[in-house]
């Protein structure tokens, strides 16, 4: 199960990647977003802090949180690394369940063809 703050981070990154959020766009305030999502303001703050530490947003005290200029190549590279980690977990789980590497490879080929 993915923590809520990580879900918020992923959604905002997806919106940036898809062009729904652009440089200098203002994100909803922590208070407003926490009220809309019916979650703790601390959870939203943690998501915004994560986005800022990764260079996707900047917070101006008293003004709000804004999207920064984003290197889309860096964002795509990050996604590839996340996918690679997820695939590695799937492979390790298959091995723990006794599935041979050849069968795992066949499964991946079947998925890619489908």
PDB file of N, CA and C in Angstrom:
ATOM      1  N   UNK A   1       0.845  -1.179   0.000  1.00  0.00           N
ATOM      2  CA  UNK A   1       0.000   0.000   0.000  1.00  0.00           C
ATOM      3  C   UNK A   1       0.892   1.245   0.000  1.00  0.00           C
ATOM      4  N   UNK A   2       0.611   2.159  -0.889  1.00  0.00           N
ATOM      5  CA  UNK A   2       1.416   3.371  -1.034  1.00  0.00           C
ATOM      6  C   UNK A   2       0.892   4.460  -0.098  1.00  0.00           C
ATOM      7  N   UNK A   3       1.771   5.090   0.678  1.00  0.00           N
ATOM      8  CA  UNK A   3       1.335   6.182   1.555  1.00  0.00           C
ATOM      9  C   UNK A   3       0.663   7.302   0.750  1.00  0.00           C
ATOM     10  N   UNK A   4      -0.278   7.973   1.385  1.00  0.00           N
ATOM     11  CA  UNK A   4      -1.051   9.019   0.705  1.00  0.00           C
ATOM     12  C   UNK A   4      -0.144  10.127   0.175  1.00  0.00           C
ATOM     13  N   UNK A   5       0.848  10.531   0.960  1.00  0.00           N
ATOM     14  CA  UNK A   5       1.699  11.625   0.496  1.00  0.00           C
ATOM     15  C   UNK A   5       2.442  11.233  -0.778  1.00  0.00           C
ATOM     16  N   UNK A   6       2.841   9.954  -0.897  1.00  0.00           N
ATOM     17  CA  UNK A   6       3.510   9.490  -2.110  1.00  0.00           C
ATOM     18  C   UNK A   6       2.541   9.485  -3.294  1.00  0.00           C
ATOM     19  N   UNK A   7       1.278   9.166  -3.040  1.00  0.00           N
ATOM     20  CA  UNK A   7       0.274   9.207  -4.095  1.00  0.00           C
ATOM     21  C   UNK A   7       0.101  10.632  -4.610  1.00  0.00           C
ATOM     22  N   UNK A   8       0.093  11.590  -3.697  1.00  0.00           N
ATOM     23  CA  UNK A   8      -0.027  13.002  -4.096  1.00  0.00           C
ATOM     24  C   UNK A   8       1.186  13.407  -4.927  1.00  0.00           C
ATOM     25  N   UNK A   9       2.374  13.036  -4.475  1.00  0.00           N
ATOM     26  CA  UNK A   9       3.605  13.355  -5.208  1.00  0.00           C
ATOM     27  C   UNK A   9       3.528  12.768  -6.617  1.00  0.00           C
ATOM     28  N   UNK A  10       3.148  11.496  -6.723  1.00  0.00           N
ATOM     29  CA  UNK A  10       3.070  10.837  -8.031  1.00  0.00           C
ATOM     30  C   UNK A  10       2.047  11.517  -8.938  1.00  0.00           C
ATOM     31  N   UNK A  11       0.903  11.891  -8.379  1.00  0.00           N
ATOM     32  CA  UNK A  11      -0.124  12.553  -9.188  1.00  0.00           C
ATOM     33  C   UNK A  11       0.357  13.902  -9.710  1.00  0.00           C
ATOM     34  N   UNK A  12       1.028  14.661  -8.873  1.00  0.00           N
ATOM     35  CA  UNK A  12       1.521  15.970  -9.301  1.00  0.00           C
ATOM     36  C   UNK A  12       2.612  15.809 -10.350  1.00  0.00           C
ATOM     37  N   UNK A  13       3.511  14.844 -10.159  1.00  0.00           N
ATOM     38  CA  UNK A  13       4.547  14.591 -11.159  1.00  0.00           C
ATOM     39  C   UNK A  13       3.922  14.184 -12.493  1.00  0.00           C
ATOM     40  N   UNK A  14       2.890  13.360 -12.451  1.00  0.00           N
ATOM     41  CA  UNK A  14       2.200  12.951 -13.676  1.00  0.00           C
ATOM     42  C   UNK A  14       1.572  14.156 -14.367  1.00  0.00           C
ATOM     43  N   UNK A  15       0.970  15.038 -13.589  1.00  0.00           N
ATOM     44  CA  UNK A  15       0.360  16.240 -14.161  1.00  0.00           C
ATOM     45  C   UNK A  15       1.421  17.138 -14.800  1.00  0.00           C
ATOM     46  N   UNK A  16       2.590  17.212 -14.187  1.00  0.00           N
ATOM     47  CA  UNK A  16       3.686  18.005 -14.761  1.00  0.00           C
ATOM     48  C   UNK A  16       4.142  17.363 -16.065  1.00  0.00           C
ATOM     49  N   UNK A  17       4.347  16.059 -16.039  1.00  0.00           N
ATOM     50  CA  UNK A  17       4.819  15.327 -17.222  1.00  0.00           C
ATOM     51  C   UNK A  17       3.818  15.446 -18.378  1.00  0.00           C
ATOM     52  N   UNK A  18       2.521  15.401 -18.072  1.00  0.00           N
ATOM     53  CA  UNK A  18       1.490  15.474 -19.105  1.00  0.00           C
ATOM     54  C   UNK A  18       1.187  16.897 -19.553  1.00  0.00           C
ATOM     55  N   UNK A  19       1.841  17.872 -18.937  1.00  0.00           N
ATOM     56  CA  UNK A  19       1.627  19.264 -19.330  1.00  0.00           C
ATOM     57  C   UNK A  19       0.407  19.903 -18.699  1.00  0.00           C
ATOM     58  N   UNK A  20      -0.248  19.189 -17.774  1.00  0.00           N
ATOM     59  CA  UNK A  20      -1.408  19.759 -17.090  1.00  0.00           C
ATOM     60  C   UNK A  20      -0.979  20.835 -16.096  1.00  0.00           C
ATOM     61  N   UNK A  21       0.227  20.691 -15.566  1.00  0.00           N
ATOM     62  CA  UNK A  21       0.833  21.712 -14.708  1.00  0.00           C
ATOM     63  C   UNK A  21       2.101  22.193 -15.384  1.00  0.00           C
ATOM     64  N   UNK A  22       2.237  23.485 -15.470  1.00  0.00           N
ATOM     65  CA  UNK A  22       3.394  24.079 -16.137  1.00  0.00           C
ATOM     66  C   UNK A  22       4.171  24.959 -15.159  1.00  0.00           C
ATOM     67  N   UNK A  23       5.330  25.387 -15.604  1.00  0.00           N
ATOM     68  CA  UNK A  23       6.165  26.250 -14.788  1.00  0.00           C
ATOM     69  C   UNK A  23       5.375  27.463 -14.304  1.00  0.00           C
ATOM     70  N   UNK A  24       5.523  27.781 -13.035  1.00  0.00           N
ATOM     71  CA  UNK A  24       4.875  28.907 -12.345  1.00  0.00           C
ATOM     72  C   UNK A  24       3.402  28.690 -12.022  1.00  0.00           C
ATOM     73  N   UNK A  25       2.839  27.523 -12.355  1.00  0.00           N
ATOM     74  CA  UNK A  25       1.471  27.227 -11.926  1.00  0.00           C
ATOM     75  C   UNK A  25       1.461  27.082 -10.408  1.00  0.00           C
ATOM     76  N   UNK A  26       0.415  27.589  -9.785  1.00  0.00           N
ATOM     77  CA  UNK A  26       0.273  27.558  -8.340  1.00  0.00           C
ATOM     78  C   UNK A  26      -0.487  26.302  -7.931  1.00  0.00           C
ATOM     79  N   UNK A  27       0.061  25.549  -6.981  1.00  0.00           N
ATOM     80  CA  UNK A  27      -0.635  24.387  -6.445  1.00  0.00           C
ATOM     81  C   UNK A  27      -1.621  24.856  -5.381  1.00  0.00           C
ATOM     82  N   UNK A  28      -2.653  24.052  -5.114  1.00  0.00           N
ATOM     83  CA  UNK A  28      -3.586  24.437  -4.043  1.00  0.00           C
ATOM     84  C   UNK A  28      -2.832  24.553  -2.717  1.00  0.00           C
ATOM     85  N   UNK A  29      -3.329  25.401  -1.841  1.00  0.00           N
ATOM     86  CA  UNK A  29      -2.679  25.534  -0.536  1.00  0.00           C
ATOM     87  C   UNK A  29      -2.795  24.219   0.224  1.00  0.00           C
ATOM     88  N   UNK A  30      -1.918  24.035   1.186  1.00  0.00           N
ATOM     89  CA  UNK A  30      -1.942  22.822   2.008  1.00  0.00           C
ATOM     90  C   UNK A  30      -3.313  22.685   2.669  1.00  0.00           C
ATOM     91  N   UNK A  31      -3.812  23.776   3.204  1.00  0.00           N
ATOM     92  CA  UNK A  31      -5.104  23.756   3.902  1.00  0.00           C
ATOM     93  C   UNK A  31      -6.238  23.357   2.960  1.00  0.00           C
ATOM     94  N   UNK A  32      -6.279  23.960   1.782  1.00  0.00           N
ATOM     95  CA  UNK A  32      -7.356  23.663   0.832  1.00  0.00           C
ATOM     96  C   UNK A  32      -7.294  22.216   0.351  1.00  0.00           C
ATOM     97  N   UNK A  33      -6.091  21.748  -0.021  1.00  0.00           N
ATOM     98  CA  UNK A  33      -5.962  20.384  -0.525  1.00  0.00           C
ATOM     99  C   UNK A  33      -6.278  19.362   0.565  1.00  0.00           C
ATOM    100  N   UNK A  34      -5.846  19.619   1.788  1.00  0.00           N
ATOM    101  CA  UNK A  34      -6.135  18.678   2.866  1.00  0.00           C
ATOM    102  C   UNK A  34      -7.636  18.616   3.138  1.00  0.00           C
ATOM    103  N   UNK A  35      -8.304  19.753   3.010  1.00  0.00           N
ATOM    104  CA  UNK A  35      -9.758  19.790   3.213  1.00  0.00           C
ATOM    105  C   UNK A  35     -10.469  19.044   2.086  1.00  0.00           C
ATOM    106  N   UNK A  36     -10.026  19.266   0.834  1.00  0.00           N
ATOM    107  CA  UNK A  36     -10.647  18.587  -0.319  1.00  0.00           C
ATOM    108  C   UNK A  36     -10.472  17.075  -0.238  1.00  0.00           C
ATOM    109  N   UNK A  37      -9.279  16.638   0.152  1.00  0.00           N
ATOM    110  CA  UNK A  37      -8.974  15.207   0.199  1.00  0.00           C
ATOM    111  C   UNK A  37      -9.376  14.564   1.526  1.00  0.00           C
ATOM    112  N   UNK A  38      -9.761  15.406   2.490  1.00  0.00           N
ATOM    113  CA  UNK A  38     -10.137  14.937   3.829  1.00  0.00           C
ATOM    114  C   UNK A  38      -9.009  14.139   4.471  1.00  0.00           C
ATOM    115  N   UNK A  39      -7.817  14.746   4.417  1.00  0.00           N
ATOM    116  CA  UNK A  39      -6.634  14.154   5.039  1.00  0.00           C
ATOM    117  C   UNK A  39      -5.931  15.224   5.858  1.00  0.00           C
ATOM    118  N   UNK A  40      -4.957  14.800   6.622  1.00  0.00           N
ATOM    119  CA  UNK A  40      -4.193  15.711   7.468  1.00  0.00           C
ATOM    120  C   UNK A  40      -3.400  16.716   6.627  1.00  0.00           C
ATOM    121  N   UNK A  41      -3.351  17.933   7.113  1.00  0.00           N
ATOM    122  CA  UNK A  41      -2.541  18.959   6.451  1.00  0.00           C
ATOM    123  C   UNK A  41      -1.064  18.571   6.484  1.00  0.00           C
ATOM    124  N   UNK A  42      -0.663  17.829   7.505  1.00  0.00           N
ATOM    125  CA  UNK A  42       0.731  17.383   7.593  1.00  0.00           C
ATOM    126  C   UNK A  42       1.081  16.423   6.452  1.00  0.00           C
ATOM    127  N   UNK A  43       0.106  15.634   6.018  1.00  0.00           N
ATOM    128  CA  UNK A  43       0.325  14.711   4.904  1.00  0.00           C
ATOM    129  C   UNK A  43       0.561  15.492   3.614  1.00  0.00           C
ATOM    130  N   UNK A  44      -0.262  16.503   3.375  1.00  0.00           N
ATOM    131  CA  UNK A  44      -0.097  17.341   2.183  1.00  0.00           C
ATOM    132  C   UNK A  44       1.227  18.092   2.261  1.00  0.00           C
ATOM    133  N   UNK A  45       1.556  18.603   3.436  1.00  0.00           N
ATOM    134  CA  UNK A  45       2.822  19.324   3.627  1.00  0.00           C
ATOM    135  C   UNK A  45       4.005  18.416   3.316  1.00  0.00           C
ATOM    136  N   UNK A  46       3.931  17.159   3.754  1.00  0.00           N
ATOM    137  CA  UNK A  46       5.014  16.216   3.481  1.00  0.00           C
ATOM    138  C   UNK A  46       5.158  15.991   1.974  1.00  0.00           C
ATOM    139  N   UNK A  47       4.032  15.886   1.264  1.00  0.00           N
ATOM    140  CA  UNK A  47       4.073  15.722  -0.198  1.00  0.00           C
ATOM    141  C   UNK A  47       4.707  16.943  -0.849  1.00  0.00           C
ATOM    142  N   UNK A  48       4.289  18.125  -0.439  1.00  0.00           N
ATOM    143  CA  UNK A  48       4.844  19.353  -1.010  1.00  0.00           C
ATOM    144  C   UNK A  48       6.334  19.488  -0.689  1.00  0.00           C
ATOM    145  N   UNK A  49       6.719  19.114   0.529  1.00  0.00           N
ATOM    146  CA  UNK A  49       8.144  19.162   0.903  1.00  0.00           C
ATOM    147  C   UNK A  49       8.952  18.197   0.040  1.00  0.00           C
ATOM    148  N   UNK A  50       8.396  17.019  -0.221  1.00  0.00           N
ATOM    149  CA  UNK A  50       9.074  16.038  -1.065  1.00  0.00           C
ATOM    150  C   UNK A  50       9.253  16.579  -2.474  1.00  0.00           C
ATOM    151  N   UNK A  51       8.192  17.161  -3.026  1.00  0.00           N
ATOM    152  CA  UNK A  51       8.267  17.739  -4.373  1.00  0.00           C
ATOM    153  C   UNK A  51       9.309  18.860  -4.426  1.00  0.00           C
ATOM    154  N   UNK A  52       9.376  19.651  -3.366  1.00  0.00           N
ATOM    155  CA  UNK A  52      10.348  20.747  -3.338  1.00  0.00           C
ATOM    156  C   UNK A  52      11.774  20.207  -3.234  1.00  0.00           C
ATOM    157  N   UNK A  53      11.966  19.195  -2.394  1.00  0.00           N
ATOM    158  CA  UNK A  53      13.317  18.651  -2.234  1.00  0.00           C
ATOM    159  C   UNK A  53      13.813  17.980  -3.513  1.00  0.00           C
ATOM    160  N   UNK A  54      12.870  17.493  -4.338  1.00  0.00           N
ATOM    161  CA  UNK A  54      13.230  16.865  -5.607  1.00  0.00           C
ATOM    162  C   UNK A  54      13.318  17.875  -6.752  1.00  0.00           C
ATOM    163  N   UNK A  55      13.024  19.151  -6.457  1.00  0.00           N
ATOM    164  CA  UNK A  55      13.182  20.205  -7.453  1.00  0.00           C
ATOM    165  C   UNK A  55      11.991  20.416  -8.373  1.00  0.00           C
ATOM    166  N   UNK A  56      10.822  19.884  -8.011  1.00  0.00           N
ATOM    167  CA  UNK A  56       9.648  20.041  -8.867  1.00  0.00           C
ATOM    168  C   UNK A  56       8.821  21.270  -8.512  1.00  0.00           C
ATOM    169  N   UNK A  57       8.925  21.718  -7.265  1.00  0.00           N
ATOM    170  CA  UNK A  57       8.163  22.884  -6.827  1.00  0.00           C
ATOM    171  C   UNK A  57       9.051  23.777  -5.974  1.00  0.00           C
ATOM    172  N   UNK A  58       8.556  24.971  -5.747  1.00  0.00           N
ATOM    173  CA  UNK A  58       9.202  25.900  -4.818  1.00  0.00           C
ATOM    174  C   UNK A  58       8.086  26.558  -4.018  1.00  0.00           C
ATOM    175  N   UNK A  59       8.327  26.711  -2.724  1.00  0.00           N
ATOM    176  CA  UNK A  59       7.344  27.347  -1.853  1.00  0.00           C
ATOM    177  C   UNK A  59       7.849  28.725  -1.477  1.00  0.00           C
ATOM    178  N   UNK A  60       7.000  29.709  -1.701  1.00  0.00           N
ATOM    179  CA  UNK A  60       7.310  31.086  -1.341  1.00  0.00           C
ATOM    180  C   UNK A  60       6.448  31.415  -0.130  1.00  0.00           C
ATOM    181  N   UNK A  61       7.110  31.666   0.996  1.00  0.00           N
ATOM    182  CA  UNK A  61       6.394  31.903   2.242  1.00  0.00           C
ATOM    183  C   UNK A  61       5.327  32.993   2.065  1.00  0.00           C
ATOM    184  N   UNK A  62       4.114  32.647   2.425  1.00  0.00           N
ATOM    185  CA  UNK A  62       3.007  33.589   2.338  1.00  0.00           C
ATOM    186  C   UNK A  62       2.408  33.715   0.952  1.00  0.00           C
ATOM    187  N   UNK A  63       3.009  33.083  -0.048  1.00  0.00           N
ATOM    188  CA  UNK A  63       2.524  33.206  -1.429  1.00  0.00           C
ATOM    189  C   UNK A  63       1.997  31.887  -1.975  1.00  0.00           C
ATOM    190  N   UNK A  64       2.582  30.774  -1.558  1.00  0.00           N
ATOM    191  CA  UNK A  64       2.110  29.479  -2.034  1.00  0.00           C
ATOM    192  C   UNK A  64       3.221  28.625  -2.609  1.00  0.00           C
ATOM    193  N   UNK A  65       2.807  27.507  -3.191  1.00  0.00           N
ATOM    194  CA  UNK A  65       3.740  26.553  -3.790  1.00  0.00           C
ATOM    195  C   UNK A  65       3.545  26.574  -5.291  1.00  0.00           C
ATOM    196  N   UNK A  66       4.658  26.704  -6.021  1.00  0.00           N
ATOM    197  CA  UNK A  66       4.625  26.851  -7.469  1.00  0.00           C
ATOM    198  C   UNK A  66       5.457  25.758  -8.130  1.00  0.00           C
ATOM    199  N   UNK A  67       5.043  25.390  -9.341  1.00  0.00           N
ATOM    200  CA  UNK A  67       5.798  24.430 -10.143  1.00  0.00           C
ATOM    201  C   UNK A  67       7.030  25.134 -10.688  1.00  0.00           C
ATOM    202  N   UNK A  68       8.174  24.467 -10.607  1.00  0.00           N
ATOM    203  CA  UNK A  68       9.409  25.019 -11.148  1.00  0.00           C
ATOM    204  C   UNK A  68       9.619  24.499 -12.569  1.00  0.00           C
ATOM    205  N   UNK A  69      10.587  25.053 -13.248  1.00  0.00           N
ATOM    206  CA  UNK A  69      10.958  24.540 -14.568  1.00  0.00           C
ATOM    207  C   UNK A  69      11.419  23.096 -14.374  1.00  0.00           C
ATOM    208  N   UNK A  70      10.837  22.189 -15.118  1.00  0.00           N
ATOM    209  CA  UNK A  70      11.115  20.780 -14.924  1.00  0.00           C
ATOM    210  C   UNK A  70      11.862  20.211 -16.114  1.00  0.00           C
ATOM    211  N   UNK A  71      12.906  19.480 -15.820  1.00  0.00           N
ATOM    212  CA  UNK A  71      13.648  18.771 -16.844  1.00  0.00           C
ATOM    213  C   UNK A  71      12.883  17.481 -17.143  1.00  0.00           C
ATOM    214  N   UNK A  72      12.162  17.448 -18.266  1.00  0.00           N
ATOM    215  CA  UNK A  72      11.334  16.282 -18.580  1.00  0.00           C
ATOM    216  C   UNK A  72      12.163  15.027 -18.789  1.00  0.00           C
ATOM    217  N   UNK A  73      13.395  15.179 -19.280  1.00  0.00           N
ATOM    218  CA  UNK A  73      14.264  14.008 -19.442  1.00  0.00           C
ATOM    219  C   UNK A  73      14.591  13.402 -18.077  1.00  0.00           C
ATOM    220  N   UNK A  74      14.837  14.256 -17.094  1.00  0.00           N
ATOM    221  CA  UNK A  74      15.111  13.782 -15.745  1.00  0.00           C
ATOM    222  C   UNK A  74      13.888  13.072 -15.174  1.00  0.00           C
ATOM    223  N   UNK A  75      12.711  13.616 -15.427  1.00  0.00           N
ATOM    224  CA  UNK A  75      11.474  13.010 -14.955  1.00  0.00           C
ATOM    225  C   UNK A  75      11.268  11.637 -15.591  1.00  0.00           C
ATOM    226  N   UNK A  76      11.519  11.516 -16.884  1.00  0.00           N
ATOM    227  CA  UNK A  76      11.394  10.225 -17.558  1.00  0.00           C
ATOM    228  C   UNK A  76      12.414   9.228 -17.034  1.00  0.00           C
ATOM    229  N   UNK A  77      13.618   9.684 -16.778  1.00  0.00           N
ATOM    230  CA  UNK A  77      14.657   8.804 -16.229  1.00  0.00           C
ATOM    231  C   UNK A  77      14.247   8.293 -14.852  1.00  0.00           C
ATOM    232  N   UNK A  78      13.661   9.171 -14.053  1.00  0.00           N
ATOM    233  CA  UNK A  78      13.185   8.780 -12.729  1.00  0.00           C
ATOM    234  C   UNK A  78      12.106   7.704 -12.849  1.00  0.00           C
ATOM    235  N   UNK A  79      11.202   7.880 -13.806  1.00  0.00           N
ATOM    236  CA  UNK A  79      10.141   6.896 -14.015  1.00  0.00           C
ATOM    237  C   UNK A  79      10.720   5.548 -14.441  1.00  0.00           C
ATOM    238  N   UNK A  80      11.714   5.583 -15.301  1.00  0.00           N
ATOM    239  CA  UNK A  80      12.343   4.339 -15.745  1.00  0.00           C
ATOM    240  C   UNK A  80      12.962   3.613 -14.563  1.00  0.00           C
ATOM    241  N   UNK A  81      13.603   4.348 -13.667  1.00  0.00           N
ATOM    242  CA  UNK A  81      14.220   3.738 -12.492  1.00  0.00           C
ATOM    243  C   UNK A  81      13.157   3.117 -11.585  1.00  0.00           C
ATOM    244  N   UNK A  82      12.021   3.811 -11.423  1.00  0.00           N
ATOM    245  CA  UNK A  82      10.939   3.274 -10.607  1.00  0.00           C
ATOM    246  C   UNK A  82      10.384   1.999 -11.224  1.00  0.00           C
ATOM    247  N   UNK A  83      10.196   2.000 -12.533  1.00  0.00           N
ATOM    248  CA  UNK A  83       9.695   0.816 -13.222  1.00  0.00           C
ATOM    249  C   UNK A  83      10.689  -0.329 -13.103  1.00  0.00           C
ATOM    250  N   UNK A  84      11.960  -0.019 -13.260  1.00  0.00           N
ATOM    251  CA  UNK A  84      13.006  -1.033 -13.128  1.00  0.00           C
ATOM    252  C   UNK A  84      12.974  -1.664 -11.731  1.00  0.00           C
ATOM    253  N   UNK A  85      12.792  -0.853 -10.715  1.00  0.00           N
ATOM    254  CA  UNK A  85      12.727  -1.358  -9.337  1.00  0.00           C
ATOM    255  C   UNK A  85      11.498  -2.247  -9.152  1.00  0.00           C
ATOM    256  N   UNK A  86      10.365  -1.830  -9.732  1.00  0.00           N
ATOM    257  CA  UNK A  86       9.146  -2.641  -9.633  1.00  0.00           C
ATOM    258  C   UNK A  86       9.310  -3.978 -10.340  1.00  0.00           C
ATOM    259  N   UNK A  87       9.940  -3.960 -11.513  1.00  0.00           N
ATOM    260  CA  UNK A  87      10.165  -5.210 -12.243  1.00  0.00           C
ATOM    261  C   UNK A  87      11.121  -6.118 -11.476  1.00  0.00           C
ATOM    262  N   UNK A  88      12.128  -5.540 -10.859  1.00  0.00           N
ATOM    263  CA  UNK A  88      13.069  -6.331 -10.064  1.00  0.00           C
ATOM    264  C   UNK A  88      12.347  -7.004  -8.898  1.00  0.00           C
ATOM    265  N   UNK A  89      11.428  -6.266  -8.261  1.00  0.00           N
ATOM    266  CA  UNK A  89      10.638  -6.857  -7.169  1.00  0.00           C
ATOM    267  C   UNK A  89       9.810  -8.031  -7.676  1.00  0.00           C
ATOM    268  N   UNK A  90       9.207  -7.878  -8.866  1.00  0.00           N
ATOM    269  CA  UNK A  90       8.397  -8.956  -9.443  1.00  0.00           C
ATOM    270  C   UNK A  90       9.257 -10.183  -9.725  1.00  0.00           C
ATOM    271  N   UNK A  91      10.449  -9.963 -10.246  1.00  0.00           N
ATOM    272  CA  UNK A  91      11.365 -11.078 -10.535  1.00  0.00           C
ATOM    273  C   UNK A  91      11.760 -11.785  -9.244  1.00  0.00           C
ATOM    274  N   UNK A  92      12.116 -11.010  -8.221  1.00  0.00           N
ATOM    275  CA  UNK A  92      12.505 -11.607  -6.939  1.00  0.00           C
ATOM    276  C   UNK A  92      11.352 -12.397  -6.325  1.00  0.00           C
ATOM    277  N   UNK A  93      10.137 -11.868  -6.433  1.00  0.00           N
ATOM    278  CA  UNK A  93       8.969 -12.572  -5.898  1.00  0.00           C
ATOM    279  C   UNK A  93       8.751 -13.875  -6.660  1.00  0.00           C
ATOM    280  N   UNK A  94       8.883 -13.832  -7.974  1.00  0.00           N
ATOM    281  CA  UNK A  94       8.751 -15.046  -8.778  1.00  0.00           C
ATOM    282  C   UNK A  94       9.770 -16.095  -8.372  1.00  0.00           C
ATOM    283  N   UNK A  95      10.992 -15.672  -8.157  1.00  0.00           N
ATOM    284  CA  UNK A  95      12.043 -16.609  -7.737  1.00  0.00           C
ATOM    285  C   UNK A  95      11.740 -17.204  -6.363  1.00  0.00           C
ATOM    286  N   UNK A  96      11.231 -16.357  -5.447  1.00  0.00           N
ATOM    287  CA  UNK A  96      10.879 -16.869  -4.115  1.00  0.00           C
ATOM    288  C   UNK A  96       9.764 -17.906  -4.194  1.00  0.00           C
ATOM    289  N   UNK A  97       8.901 -17.759  -5.186  1.00  0.00           N
ATOM    290  CA  UNK A  97       7.790 -18.701  -5.367  1.00  0.00           C
ATOM    291  C   UNK A  97       8.204 -19.926  -6.167  1.00  0.00           C
ATOM    292  N   UNK A  98       9.464 -19.977  -6.572  1.00  0.00           N
ATOM    293  CA  UNK A  98       9.969 -21.146  -7.276  1.00  0.00           C
ATOM    294  C   UNK A  98       9.788 -21.113  -8.785  1.00  0.00           C
ATOM    295  N   UNK A  99       9.469 -19.972  -9.337  1.00  0.00           N
ATOM    296  CA  UNK A  99       9.317 -19.851 -10.788  1.00  0.00           C
ATOM    297  C   UNK A  99      10.706 -19.673 -11.400  1.00  0.00           C
ATOM    298  N   UNK A 100      10.981 -20.442 -12.426  1.00  0.00           N
ATOM    299  CA  UNK A 100      12.309 -20.373 -13.055  1.00  0.00           C
ATOM    300  C   UNK A 100      12.474 -19.056 -13.812  1.00  0.00           C
ATOM    301  N   UNK A 101      13.739 -18.671 -13.998  1.00  0.00           N
ATOM    302  CA  UNK A 101      14.030 -17.447 -14.744  1.00  0.00           C
ATOM    303  C   UNK A 101      13.460 -17.522 -16.154  1.00  0.00           C
ATOM    304  N   UNK A 102      13.510 -18.720 -16.761  1.00  0.00           N
ATOM    305  CA  UNK A 102      12.979 -18.886 -18.116  1.00  0.00           C
ATOM    306  C   UNK A 102      11.462 -18.665 -18.142  1.00  0.00           C
ATOM    307  N   UNK A 103      10.754 -19.161 -17.117  1.00  0.00           N
ATOM    308  CA  UNK A 103       9.306 -18.940 -17.037  1.00  0.00           C
ATOM    309  C   UNK A 103       8.985 -17.470 -16.770  1.00  0.00           C
ATOM    310  N   UNK A 104       9.804 -16.819 -15.941  1.00  0.00           N
ATOM    311  CA  UNK A 104       9.605 -15.390 -15.682  1.00  0.00           C
ATOM    312  C   UNK A 104       9.798 -14.609 -16.978  1.00  0.00           C
ATOM    313  N   UNK A 105      10.834 -14.959 -17.727  1.00  0.00           N
ATOM    314  CA  UNK A 105      11.089 -14.296 -19.004  1.00  0.00           C
ATOM    315  C   UNK A 105       9.916 -14.499 -19.949  1.00  0.00           C
ATOM    316  N   UNK A 106       9.376 -15.705 -19.986  1.00  0.00           N
ATOM    317  CA  UNK A 106       8.221 -15.994 -20.842  1.00  0.00           C
ATOM    318  C   UNK A 106       7.014 -15.161 -20.425  1.00  0.00           C
ATOM    319  N   UNK A 107       6.817 -14.994 -19.134  1.00  0.00           N
ATOM    320  CA  UNK A 107       5.703 -14.173 -18.632  1.00  0.00           C
ATOM    321  C   UNK A 107       5.853 -12.719 -19.074  1.00  0.00           C
ATOM    322  N   UNK A 108       7.074 -12.193 -18.942  1.00  0.00           N
ATOM    323  CA  UNK A 108       7.311 -10.809 -19.365  1.00  0.00           C
ATOM    324  C   UNK A 108       7.067 -10.658 -20.871  1.00  0.00           C
ATOM    325  N   UNK A 109       7.509 -11.625 -21.660  1.00  0.00           N
ATOM    326  CA  UNK A 109       7.285 -11.571 -23.112  1.00  0.00           C
ATOM    327  C   UNK A 109       5.801 -11.622 -23.435  1.00  0.00           C
ATOM    328  N   UNK A 110       5.054 -12.453 -22.692  1.00  0.00           N
ATOM    329  CA  UNK A 110       3.620 -12.556 -22.902  1.00  0.00           C
ATOM    330  C   UNK A 110       2.925 -11.233 -22.582  1.00  0.00           C
ATOM    331  N   UNK A 111       3.353 -10.618 -21.495  1.00  0.00           N
ATOM    332  CA  UNK A 111       2.777  -9.327 -21.094  1.00  0.00           C
ATOM    333  C   UNK A 111       3.072  -8.263 -22.143  1.00  0.00           C
ATOM    334  N   UNK A 112       4.305  -8.225 -22.642  1.00  0.00           N
ATOM    335  CA  UNK A 112       4.684  -7.215 -23.639  1.00  0.00           C
ATOM    336  C   UNK A 112       3.952  -7.416 -24.965  1.00  0.00           C
ATOM    337  N   UNK A 113       3.659  -8.653 -25.309  1.00  0.00           N
ATOM    338  CA  UNK A 113       2.952  -8.929 -26.560  1.00  0.00           C
ATOM    339  C   UNK A 113       1.480  -8.585 -26.443  1.00  0.00           C
ATOM    340  N   UNK A 114       0.931  -8.742 -25.238  1.00  0.00           N
ATOM    341  CA  UNK A 114      -0.514  -8.534 -25.016  1.00  0.00           C
ATOM    342  C   UNK A 114      -0.842  -7.119 -24.954  1.00  0.00           C
TER     343      UNK A 114
END
